[in-house]
Amino acid sequence: MCLVHLFLAVDKGALCLVLSAFDTLPEDQFIDFIPYLQVIIDKEGFLFIVWFIFALMIGGIIQTIGLLKEKVIQKWQGAFIILGLLLLINPDIELISSIGSLMMCIANIPWGIRELKK
């Protein structure tokens, strides 16, 4: 479970960082990329699957509630994980996704370290 949260947080964070790299392109080069980016924005081909990402977040929230009930994680960790997952359910606003990913990492890292020590 911890690895799932960590990988999800890292994936969303990496996506945000990659997209922010386009800000460094000169205007003329960026304009050349627009047709390729439009395919991603329109979610053509099998990219329609991305619309179901909310189901992954809902599953993570349900698992986190279970971990809280079983007292595997502390309340602050559960709150950070749930809030982080809720922030990841956004229409590709990189700043919000980055904050959600950071919150999930903050909550999961102490838990992961504790599990590795066992």
C-alpha atoms as a PDB file:
ATOM      1  CA  MET A   1       0.000   0.000   0.000  1.00  0.00           C
ATOM      2  CA  CYS A   2       2.767   2.426   0.926  1.00  0.00           C
ATOM      3  CA  LEU A   3       4.514   1.774  -2.377  1.00  0.00           C
ATOM      4  CA  VAL A   4       1.294   2.390  -4.301  1.00  0.00           C
ATOM      5  CA  HIS A   5       0.906   5.798  -2.662  1.00  0.00           C
ATOM      6  CA  LEU A   6       4.571   6.605  -3.157  1.00  0.00           C
ATOM      7  CA  PHE A   7       4.550   5.617  -6.834  1.00  0.00           C
ATOM      8  CA  LEU A   8       1.345   7.565  -7.434  1.00  0.00           C
ATOM      9  CA  ALA A   9       2.804  10.647  -5.769  1.00  0.00           C
ATOM     10  CA  VAL A  10       6.076  10.342  -7.707  1.00  0.00           C
ATOM     11  CA  ASP A  11       4.213   9.790 -10.978  1.00  0.00           C
ATOM     12  CA  LYS A  12       2.034  12.880 -10.575  1.00  0.00           C
ATOM     13  CA  GLY A  13       5.027  14.922  -9.412  1.00  0.00           C
ATOM     14  CA  ALA A  14       7.113  13.812 -12.389  1.00  0.00           C
ATOM     15  CA  LEU A  15       4.287  14.637 -14.766  1.00  0.00           C
ATOM     16  CA  CYS A  16       4.116  18.146 -13.347  1.00  0.00           C
ATOM     17  CA  LEU A  17       7.871  18.612 -13.657  1.00  0.00           C
ATOM     18  CA  VAL A  18       7.935  17.383 -17.267  1.00  0.00           C
ATOM     19  CA  LEU A  19       5.149  19.738 -18.286  1.00  0.00           C
ATOM     20  CA  SER A  20       6.859  22.649 -16.555  1.00  0.00           C
ATOM     21  CA  ALA A  21       9.892  22.069 -18.794  1.00  0.00           C
ATOM     22  CA  PHE A  22       7.888  23.395 -21.741  1.00  0.00           C
ATOM     23  CA  ASP A  23       8.049  26.824 -20.099  1.00  0.00           C
ATOM     24  CA  THR A  24      11.761  26.910 -20.889  1.00  0.00           C
ATOM     25  CA  LEU A  25      11.255  26.581 -24.659  1.00  0.00           C
ATOM     26  CA  PRO A  26      11.498  29.655 -26.862  1.00  0.00           C
ATOM     27  CA  GLU A  27       8.121  30.704 -28.274  1.00  0.00           C
ATOM     28  CA  ASP A  28       8.844  29.503 -31.827  1.00  0.00           C
ATOM     29  CA  GLN A  29       9.876  26.021 -30.664  1.00  0.00           C
ATOM     30  CA  PHE A  30       6.844  25.749 -28.407  1.00  0.00           C
ATOM     31  CA  ILE A  31       4.535  26.638 -31.299  1.00  0.00           C
ATOM     32  CA  ASP A  32       6.062  23.735 -33.267  1.00  0.00           C
ATOM     33  CA  PHE A  33       5.050  21.372 -30.422  1.00  0.00           C
ATOM     34  CA  ILE A  34       1.399  22.462 -30.258  1.00  0.00           C
ATOM     35  CA  PRO A  35       0.004  19.752 -32.613  1.00  0.00           C
ATOM     36  CA  TYR A  36       1.703  17.031 -30.561  1.00  0.00           C
ATOM     37  CA  LEU A  37       0.478  18.472 -27.279  1.00  0.00           C
ATOM     38  CA  GLN A  38      -3.061  18.865 -28.610  1.00  0.00           C
ATOM     39  CA  VAL A  39      -3.313  15.088 -29.055  1.00  0.00           C
ATOM     40  CA  ILE A  40      -2.504  14.674 -25.366  1.00  0.00           C
ATOM     41  CA  ILE A  41      -4.918  17.422 -24.299  1.00  0.00           C
ATOM     42  CA  ASP A  42      -7.724  15.874 -26.388  1.00  0.00           C
ATOM     43  CA  LYS A  43      -6.914  12.464 -24.845  1.00  0.00           C
ATOM     44  CA  GLU A  44      -6.973  10.763 -28.228  1.00  0.00           C
ATOM     45  CA  GLY A  45      -6.323   7.069 -28.727  1.00  0.00           C
ATOM     46  CA  PHE A  46      -6.187   5.103 -25.476  1.00  0.00           C
ATOM     47  CA  LEU A  47      -5.589   8.255 -23.435  1.00  0.00           C
ATOM     48  CA  PHE A  48      -9.331   8.295 -22.652  1.00  0.00           C
ATOM     49  CA  ILE A  49      -8.407   5.872 -19.849  1.00  0.00           C
ATOM     50  CA  VAL A  50      -6.961   8.855 -17.976  1.00  0.00           C
ATOM     51  CA  TRP A  51     -10.537   9.980 -17.243  1.00  0.00           C
ATOM     52  CA  PHE A  52     -10.830   6.962 -14.905  1.00  0.00           C
ATOM     53  CA  ILE A  53      -7.897   8.051 -12.714  1.00  0.00           C
ATOM     54  CA  PHE A  54     -10.393   9.237 -10.092  1.00  0.00           C
ATOM     55  CA  ALA A  55     -11.201   5.565  -9.361  1.00  0.00           C
ATOM     56  CA  LEU A  56      -7.584   5.050  -8.288  1.00  0.00           C
ATOM     57  CA  MET A  57      -7.840   7.996  -5.919  1.00  0.00           C
ATOM     58  CA  ILE A  58     -11.106   6.730  -4.442  1.00  0.00           C
ATOM     59  CA  GLY A  59      -9.556   3.297  -3.912  1.00  0.00           C
ATOM     60  CA  GLY A  60      -6.573   4.907  -2.174  1.00  0.00           C
ATOM     61  CA  ILE A  61      -8.887   6.860   0.111  1.00  0.00           C
ATOM     62  CA  ILE A  62     -10.797   3.691   1.043  1.00  0.00           C
ATOM     63  CA  GLN A  63      -7.517   1.881   1.782  1.00  0.00           C
ATOM     64  CA  THR A  64      -6.288   4.798   3.871  1.00  0.00           C
ATOM     65  CA  ILE A  65      -9.485   4.751   5.932  1.00  0.00           C
ATOM     66  CA  GLY A  66      -8.877   1.047   6.543  1.00  0.00           C
ATOM     67  CA  LEU A  67      -5.296   1.724   7.625  1.00  0.00           C
ATOM     68  CA  LEU A  68      -6.549   4.380  10.023  1.00  0.00           C
ATOM     69  CA  LYS A  69      -9.175   2.052  11.500  1.00  0.00           C
ATOM     70  CA  GLU A  70      -6.543  -0.646  12.044  1.00  0.00           C
ATOM     71  CA  LYS A  71      -4.170   1.957  13.520  1.00  0.00           C
ATOM     72  CA  VAL A  72      -1.414   1.132  11.033  1.00  0.00           C
ATOM     73  CA  ILE A  73      -0.857   4.831  10.370  1.00  0.00           C
ATOM     74  CA  GLN A  74      -1.362   7.881  12.534  1.00  0.00           C
ATOM     75  CA  LYS A  75      -4.255  10.304  12.081  1.00  0.00           C
ATOM     76  CA  TRP A  76      -2.059  13.068  10.649  1.00  0.00           C
ATOM     77  CA  GLN A  77      -0.683  10.626   8.059  1.00  0.00           C
ATOM     78  CA  GLY A  78      -4.178   9.542   7.071  1.00  0.00           C
ATOM     79  CA  ALA A  79      -5.285  13.154   6.769  1.00  0.00           C
ATOM     80  CA  PHE A  80      -2.265  14.029   4.609  1.00  0.00           C
ATOM     81  CA  ILE A  81      -2.788  10.981   2.376  1.00  0.00           C
ATOM     82  CA  ILE A  82      -6.510  11.603   1.918  1.00  0.00           C
ATOM     83  CA  LEU A  83      -6.076  15.318   1.299  1.00  0.00           C
ATOM     84  CA  GLY A  84      -3.194  14.607  -1.083  1.00  0.00           C
ATOM     85  CA  LEU A  85      -5.319  12.124  -3.021  1.00  0.00           C
ATOM     86  CA  LEU A  86      -8.178  14.613  -3.197  1.00  0.00           C
ATOM     87  CA  LEU A  87      -5.795  17.232  -4.580  1.00  0.00           C
ATOM     88  CA  LEU A  88      -4.713  14.772  -7.274  1.00  0.00           C
ATOM     89  CA  ILE A  89      -8.304  14.637  -8.573  1.00  0.00           C
ATOM     90  CA  ASN A  90      -7.956  17.861 -10.504  1.00  0.00           C
ATOM     91  CA  PRO A  91      -8.038  18.705 -14.188  1.00  0.00           C
ATOM     92  CA  ASP A  92      -4.261  18.677 -14.655  1.00  0.00           C
ATOM     93  CA  ILE A  93      -3.391  21.774 -12.651  1.00  0.00           C
ATOM     94  CA  GLU A  94       0.271  21.042 -11.990  1.00  0.00           C
ATOM     95  CA  LEU A  95       0.677  23.154  -8.857  1.00  0.00           C
ATOM     96  CA  ILE A  96      -2.255  21.451  -7.121  1.00  0.00           C
ATOM     97  CA  SER A  97      -1.011  18.000  -8.175  1.00  0.00           C
ATOM     98  CA  SER A  98       2.478  18.813  -6.925  1.00  0.00           C
ATOM     99  CA  ILE A  99       1.129  19.876  -3.527  1.00  0.00           C
ATOM    100  CA  GLY A 100      -0.959  16.688  -3.324  1.00  0.00           C
ATOM    101  CA  SER A 101       2.053  14.558  -4.249  1.00  0.00           C
ATOM    102  CA  LEU A 102       4.193  16.297  -1.648  1.00  0.00           C
ATOM    103  CA  MET A 103       1.566  15.736   1.034  1.00  0.00           C
ATOM    104  CA  MET A 104       1.387  12.042   0.185  1.00  0.00           C
ATOM    105  CA  CYS A 105       5.176  11.728   0.315  1.00  0.00           C
ATOM    106  CA  ILE A 106       5.331  13.499   3.685  1.00  0.00           C
ATOM    107  CA  ALA A 107       2.785  11.024   5.079  1.00  0.00           C
ATOM    108  CA  ASN A 108       4.179   7.888   3.462  1.00  0.00           C
ATOM    109  CA  ILE A 109       7.914   8.305   4.020  1.00  0.00           C
ATOM    110  CA  PRO A 110       7.813   7.886   7.844  1.00  0.00           C
ATOM    111  CA  TRP A 111       5.521   4.906   7.441  1.00  0.00           C
ATOM    112  CA  GLY A 112       7.818   3.360   4.830  1.00  0.00           C
ATOM    113  CA  ILE A 113      10.884   3.868   7.013  1.00  0.00           C
ATOM    114  CA  ARG A 114       9.075   2.262   9.952  1.00  0.00           C
ATOM    115  CA  GLU A 115       8.083  -0.724   7.800  1.00  0.00           C
ATOM    116  CA  LEU A 116      11.647  -1.154   6.509  1.00  0.00           C
ATOM    117  CA  LYS A 117      12.992  -1.209  10.068  1.00  0.00           C
ATOM    118  CA  LYS A 118      10.720  -4.155  10.964  1.00  0.00           C
END
